[in-house]
């Protein structure tokens, strides 16, 4: 009797192990199929020409240059605004020896 229960338990345990292995293999097969379809999509996609890529890079460089110049201009506007706010405080609030800005930063 105990021997039969032991055999039944081992059989059930082996069945569960085989089921789990089967599920793992199906999962991996599904992942492989999904990756293969993504690869096929990438292979079928049209590529940009060299001229298009060069044009995109030039446009991006121009936009980055505009953004940098905007940052510099914002800093200059902030400096001028601070000077005017200091002048607004009174006729002697502004120190005439105050430097107008760091010129090394913009070279």
N, C-alpha and C. Protein backbone atom coordinates (compact mmCIF):
# COMPACT_ATOMS: atom_id res chain seq x y z
N UNK A 1 0.82 -1.19 0.00
CA UNK A 1 0.00 0.00 0.00
C UNK A 1 0.87 1.26 0.00
N UNK A 2 1.84 1.34 0.91
CA UNK A 2 2.71 2.51 0.99
C UNK A 2 3.56 2.60 -0.27
N UNK A 3 3.95 1.44 -0.76
CA UNK A 3 4.74 1.41 -1.98
C UNK A 3 3.94 1.97 -3.15
N UNK A 4 2.66 1.64 -3.24
CA UNK A 4 1.79 2.12 -4.32
C UNK A 4 1.58 3.64 -4.20
N UNK A 5 1.42 4.16 -2.98
CA UNK A 5 1.27 5.59 -2.77
C UNK A 5 2.56 6.33 -3.16
N UNK A 6 3.67 5.71 -2.82
CA UNK A 6 4.97 6.31 -3.17
C UNK A 6 5.12 6.39 -4.69
N UNK A 7 4.77 5.31 -5.40
CA UNK A 7 4.85 5.27 -6.86
C UNK A 7 3.90 6.33 -7.46
N UNK A 8 2.69 6.44 -6.89
CA UNK A 8 1.71 7.42 -7.36
C UNK A 8 2.24 8.84 -7.15
N UNK A 9 2.84 9.10 -5.98
CA UNK A 9 3.40 10.42 -5.68
C UNK A 9 4.53 10.78 -6.65
N UNK A 10 5.42 9.83 -6.90
CA UNK A 10 6.53 10.05 -7.82
C UNK A 10 5.99 10.31 -9.23
N UNK A 11 4.97 9.55 -9.63
CA UNK A 11 4.38 9.72 -10.96
C UNK A 11 3.76 11.12 -11.09
N UNK A 12 3.02 11.54 -10.07
CA UNK A 12 2.43 12.88 -10.08
C UNK A 12 3.50 13.97 -10.12
N UNK A 13 4.55 13.78 -9.34
CA UNK A 13 5.65 14.75 -9.31
C UNK A 13 6.33 14.83 -10.68
N UNK A 14 6.55 13.71 -11.32
CA UNK A 14 7.14 13.71 -12.66
C UNK A 14 6.20 14.37 -13.66
N UNK A 15 4.89 14.14 -13.51
CA UNK A 15 3.90 14.78 -14.39
C UNK A 15 3.94 16.29 -14.26
N UNK A 16 4.05 16.80 -13.04
CA UNK A 16 4.12 18.24 -12.80
C UNK A 16 5.39 18.81 -13.41
N UNK A 17 6.50 18.10 -13.25
CA UNK A 17 7.77 18.56 -13.80
C UNK A 17 7.71 18.61 -15.32
N UNK A 18 7.15 17.57 -15.94
CA UNK A 18 7.02 17.54 -17.39
C UNK A 18 6.10 18.67 -17.86
N UNK A 19 5.01 18.93 -17.14
CA UNK A 19 4.09 20.02 -17.49
C UNK A 19 4.81 21.38 -17.42
N UNK A 20 5.58 21.61 -16.36
CA UNK A 20 6.29 22.87 -16.22
C UNK A 20 7.34 23.06 -17.32
N UNK A 21 8.03 22.00 -17.65
CA UNK A 21 9.02 22.08 -18.73
C UNK A 21 8.31 22.39 -20.05
N UNK A 22 7.17 21.74 -20.29
CA UNK A 22 6.40 21.99 -21.51
C UNK A 22 5.96 23.46 -21.57
N UNK A 23 5.49 24.02 -20.47
CA UNK A 23 5.07 25.43 -20.44
C UNK A 23 6.25 26.36 -20.70
N UNK A 24 7.41 26.02 -20.15
CA UNK A 24 8.60 26.83 -20.37
C UNK A 24 9.01 26.81 -21.84
N UNK A 25 8.96 25.65 -22.46
CA UNK A 25 9.32 25.54 -23.87
C UNK A 25 8.33 26.32 -24.73
N UNK A 26 7.02 26.25 -24.42
CA UNK A 26 6.02 27.02 -25.17
C UNK A 26 6.25 28.51 -25.01
N UNK A 27 6.60 28.94 -23.80
CA UNK A 27 6.87 30.35 -23.56
C UNK A 27 8.07 30.82 -24.37
N UNK A 28 9.12 30.02 -24.38
CA UNK A 28 10.30 30.39 -25.16
C UNK A 28 9.99 30.40 -26.65
N UNK A 29 9.19 29.44 -27.12
CA UNK A 29 8.79 29.43 -28.53
C UNK A 29 8.02 30.69 -28.88
N UNK A 30 7.14 31.13 -27.98
CA UNK A 30 6.37 32.36 -28.22
C UNK A 30 7.30 33.57 -28.26
N UNK A 31 8.28 33.63 -27.37
CA UNK A 31 9.23 34.74 -27.37
C UNK A 31 10.06 34.75 -28.66
N UNK A 32 10.48 33.58 -29.09
CA UNK A 32 11.28 33.48 -30.32
C UNK A 32 10.44 33.93 -31.52
N UNK A 33 9.17 33.52 -31.57
CA UNK A 33 8.31 33.92 -32.68
C UNK A 33 8.09 35.44 -32.69
N UNK A 34 7.91 36.03 -31.50
CA UNK A 34 7.72 37.48 -31.41
C UNK A 34 8.97 38.23 -31.86
N UNK A 35 10.14 37.77 -31.41
CA UNK A 35 11.39 38.40 -31.83
C UNK A 35 11.63 38.25 -33.32
N UNK A 36 11.27 37.10 -33.87
CA UNK A 36 11.43 36.89 -35.31
C UNK A 36 10.53 37.83 -36.10
N UNK A 37 9.30 38.04 -35.62
CA UNK A 37 8.41 38.96 -36.34
C UNK A 37 8.92 40.40 -36.24
N UNK A 38 9.47 40.80 -35.09
CA UNK A 38 10.06 42.13 -34.96
C UNK A 38 11.26 42.29 -35.89
N UNK A 39 12.09 41.25 -35.99
CA UNK A 39 13.25 41.29 -36.88
C UNK A 39 12.80 41.41 -38.33
N UNK A 40 11.77 40.66 -38.71
CA UNK A 40 11.26 40.75 -40.08
C UNK A 40 10.72 42.15 -40.36
N UNK A 41 10.08 42.77 -39.38
CA UNK A 41 9.59 44.13 -39.54
C UNK A 41 10.74 45.10 -39.74
N UNK A 42 11.80 44.95 -38.95
CA UNK A 42 12.96 45.84 -39.07
C UNK A 42 13.66 45.66 -40.41
N UNK A 43 13.75 44.43 -40.87
CA UNK A 43 14.42 44.17 -42.14
C UNK A 43 13.60 44.76 -43.28
N UNK A 44 12.28 44.70 -43.20
CA UNK A 44 11.42 45.22 -44.25
C UNK A 44 11.29 46.73 -44.25
N UNK A 45 11.66 47.38 -43.16
CA UNK A 45 11.51 48.84 -43.07
C UNK A 45 12.48 49.53 -44.02
N UNK A 46 12.00 50.60 -44.64
CA UNK A 46 12.85 51.36 -45.55
C UNK A 46 13.85 52.17 -44.75
N UNK A 47 15.03 52.27 -45.27
CA UNK A 47 16.10 53.00 -44.61
C UNK A 47 16.19 54.42 -45.19
N UNK A 48 16.70 55.35 -44.37
CA UNK A 48 16.90 56.72 -44.81
C UNK A 48 18.12 56.78 -45.72
N UNK A 49 18.08 57.67 -46.70
CA UNK A 49 19.23 57.85 -47.58
C UNK A 49 20.28 58.70 -46.86
N UNK A 50 21.47 58.71 -47.40
CA UNK A 50 22.55 59.49 -46.81
C UNK A 50 22.24 60.98 -46.83
N UNK A 51 21.63 61.44 -47.91
CA UNK A 51 21.28 62.86 -48.00
C UNK A 51 20.23 63.24 -46.95
N UNK A 52 19.27 62.35 -46.73
CA UNK A 52 18.25 62.63 -45.71
C UNK A 52 18.87 62.70 -44.34
N UNK A 53 19.76 61.74 -44.04
CA UNK A 53 20.41 61.74 -42.73
C UNK A 53 21.26 62.99 -42.55
N UNK A 54 21.97 63.42 -43.60
CA UNK A 54 22.79 64.63 -43.51
C UNK A 54 21.91 65.85 -43.26
N UNK A 55 20.77 65.92 -43.96
CA UNK A 55 19.85 67.03 -43.74
C UNK A 55 19.29 67.05 -42.33
N UNK A 56 18.94 65.87 -41.80
CA UNK A 56 18.44 65.80 -40.43
C UNK A 56 19.51 66.25 -39.43
N UNK A 57 20.75 65.82 -39.64
CA UNK A 57 21.83 66.21 -38.73
C UNK A 57 22.09 67.71 -38.79
N UNK A 58 22.03 68.30 -39.99
CA UNK A 58 22.21 69.75 -40.11
C UNK A 58 21.09 70.51 -39.41
N UNK A 59 19.86 70.03 -39.56
CA UNK A 59 18.73 70.70 -38.91
C UNK A 59 18.85 70.59 -37.39
N UNK A 60 19.27 69.42 -36.89
CA UNK A 60 19.43 69.25 -35.45
C UNK A 60 20.54 70.15 -34.93
N UNK A 61 21.64 70.28 -35.68
CA UNK A 61 22.74 71.15 -35.26
C UNK A 61 22.28 72.59 -35.19
N UNK A 62 21.46 73.01 -36.16
CA UNK A 62 20.95 74.37 -36.16
C UNK A 62 20.06 74.62 -34.94
N UNK A 63 19.20 73.66 -34.64
CA UNK A 63 18.32 73.81 -33.47
C UNK A 63 19.12 73.85 -32.16
N UNK A 64 20.16 73.04 -32.06
CA UNK A 64 20.99 73.06 -30.85
C UNK A 64 21.70 74.40 -30.73
N UNK A 65 22.17 74.96 -31.85
CA UNK A 65 22.82 76.26 -31.84
C UNK A 65 21.84 77.35 -31.40
N UNK A 66 20.62 77.30 -31.90
CA UNK A 66 19.59 78.27 -31.49
C UNK A 66 19.32 78.16 -30.00
N UNK A 67 19.24 76.93 -29.51
CA UNK A 67 18.98 76.72 -28.08
C UNK A 67 20.13 77.27 -27.24
N UNK A 68 21.37 77.06 -27.66
CA UNK A 68 22.52 77.57 -26.92
C UNK A 68 22.50 79.10 -26.91
N UNK A 69 22.26 79.69 -28.09
CA UNK A 69 22.21 81.15 -28.16
C UNK A 69 21.08 81.71 -27.31
N UNK A 70 19.97 81.02 -27.25
CA UNK A 70 18.86 81.45 -26.41
C UNK A 70 19.26 81.44 -24.94
N UNK A 71 20.02 80.44 -24.54
CA UNK A 71 20.50 80.40 -23.15
C UNK A 71 21.41 81.58 -22.84
N UNK A 72 22.30 81.91 -23.78
CA UNK A 72 23.21 83.04 -23.60
C UNK A 72 22.40 84.33 -23.52
N UNK A 73 21.43 84.50 -24.42
CA UNK A 73 20.60 85.71 -24.41
C UNK A 73 19.78 85.81 -23.13
N UNK A 74 19.26 84.68 -22.65
CA UNK A 74 18.50 84.69 -21.39
C UNK A 74 19.39 85.14 -20.23
N UNK A 75 20.64 84.70 -20.23
CA UNK A 75 21.57 85.11 -19.17
C UNK A 75 21.83 86.62 -19.24
N UNK A 76 22.00 87.13 -20.45
CA UNK A 76 22.23 88.58 -20.62
C UNK A 76 21.01 89.38 -20.19
N UNK A 77 19.82 88.91 -20.56
CA UNK A 77 18.59 89.60 -20.15
C UNK A 77 18.43 89.59 -18.63
N UNK A 78 18.77 88.48 -18.00
CA UNK A 78 18.69 88.39 -16.54
C UNK A 78 19.65 89.37 -15.88
N UNK A 79 20.87 89.51 -16.43
CA UNK A 79 21.85 90.47 -15.90
C UNK A 79 21.33 91.90 -16.03
N UNK A 80 20.77 92.24 -17.19
CA UNK A 80 20.24 93.59 -17.39
C UNK A 80 19.07 93.85 -16.46
N UNK A 81 18.20 92.87 -16.27
CA UNK A 81 17.06 93.03 -15.38
C UNK A 81 17.52 93.25 -13.95
N UNK A 82 18.55 92.52 -13.52
CA UNK A 82 19.08 92.70 -12.16
C UNK A 82 19.64 94.11 -11.98
N UNK A 83 20.30 94.64 -13.02
CA UNK A 83 20.83 96.00 -12.93
C UNK A 83 19.69 97.02 -12.78
N UNK A 84 18.65 96.84 -13.59
CA UNK A 84 17.52 97.78 -13.54
C UNK A 84 16.78 97.69 -12.20
N UNK A 85 16.66 96.49 -11.66
CA UNK A 85 16.01 96.34 -10.35
C UNK A 85 16.84 97.02 -9.26
N UNK A 86 18.14 96.93 -9.38
CA UNK A 86 19.02 97.59 -8.41
C UNK A 86 18.86 99.11 -8.52
N UNK A 87 18.79 99.65 -9.74
CA UNK A 87 18.60 101.09 -9.95
C UNK A 87 17.26 101.56 -9.39
N UNK A 88 16.26 100.71 -9.49
CA UNK A 88 14.92 101.06 -9.01
C UNK A 88 14.87 101.23 -7.50
N UNK A 89 15.80 100.59 -6.80
CA UNK A 89 15.80 100.66 -5.33
C UNK A 89 16.13 102.07 -4.83
N UNK A 90 16.85 102.83 -5.61
CA UNK A 90 17.18 104.19 -5.18
C UNK A 90 18.33 104.73 -5.99
N UNK A 91 18.58 106.05 -5.88
CA UNK A 91 19.62 106.65 -6.72
C UNK A 91 21.03 106.20 -6.38
N UNK A 92 21.26 105.73 -5.15
CA UNK A 92 22.62 105.32 -4.75
C UNK A 92 22.74 103.82 -4.52
N UNK A 93 21.73 103.05 -4.89
CA UNK A 93 21.74 101.61 -4.66
C UNK A 93 22.68 100.88 -5.62
N UNK A 94 22.84 101.42 -6.81
CA UNK A 94 23.66 100.73 -7.82
C UNK A 94 25.11 101.14 -7.66
N UNK A 95 25.99 100.14 -7.58
CA UNK A 95 27.43 100.38 -7.47
C UNK A 95 28.00 100.55 -8.88
N UNK A 96 28.56 101.71 -9.20
CA UNK A 96 29.08 101.92 -10.55
C UNK A 96 30.28 101.03 -10.89
N UNK A 97 30.89 100.41 -9.91
CA UNK A 97 32.03 99.53 -10.15
C UNK A 97 31.61 98.08 -10.40
N UNK A 98 30.31 97.83 -10.46
CA UNK A 98 29.82 96.47 -10.70
C UNK A 98 30.18 96.04 -12.12
N UNK A 99 30.79 94.85 -12.28
CA UNK A 99 31.11 94.40 -13.64
C UNK A 99 29.82 94.08 -14.39
N UNK A 100 29.84 94.26 -15.70
CA UNK A 100 28.64 94.06 -16.50
C UNK A 100 28.40 92.59 -16.86
N UNK A 101 29.32 91.72 -16.52
CA UNK A 101 29.12 90.29 -16.80
C UNK A 101 30.45 89.60 -17.01
N UNK A 102 30.40 88.30 -17.06
CA UNK A 102 31.59 87.48 -17.27
C UNK A 102 31.79 87.28 -18.77
N UNK A 103 32.76 87.98 -19.34
CA UNK A 103 32.95 87.91 -20.78
C UNK A 103 33.64 86.60 -21.20
N UNK A 104 34.34 85.96 -20.32
CA UNK A 104 35.03 84.71 -20.67
C UNK A 104 34.02 83.61 -21.02
N UNK A 105 32.83 83.69 -20.44
CA UNK A 105 31.84 82.66 -20.63
C UNK A 105 31.32 82.60 -22.06
N UNK A 106 31.37 83.71 -22.79
CA UNK A 106 30.77 83.78 -24.12
C UNK A 106 31.78 83.71 -25.26
N UNK A 107 33.04 83.43 -24.97
CA UNK A 107 34.05 83.35 -26.04
C UNK A 107 34.00 82.00 -26.70
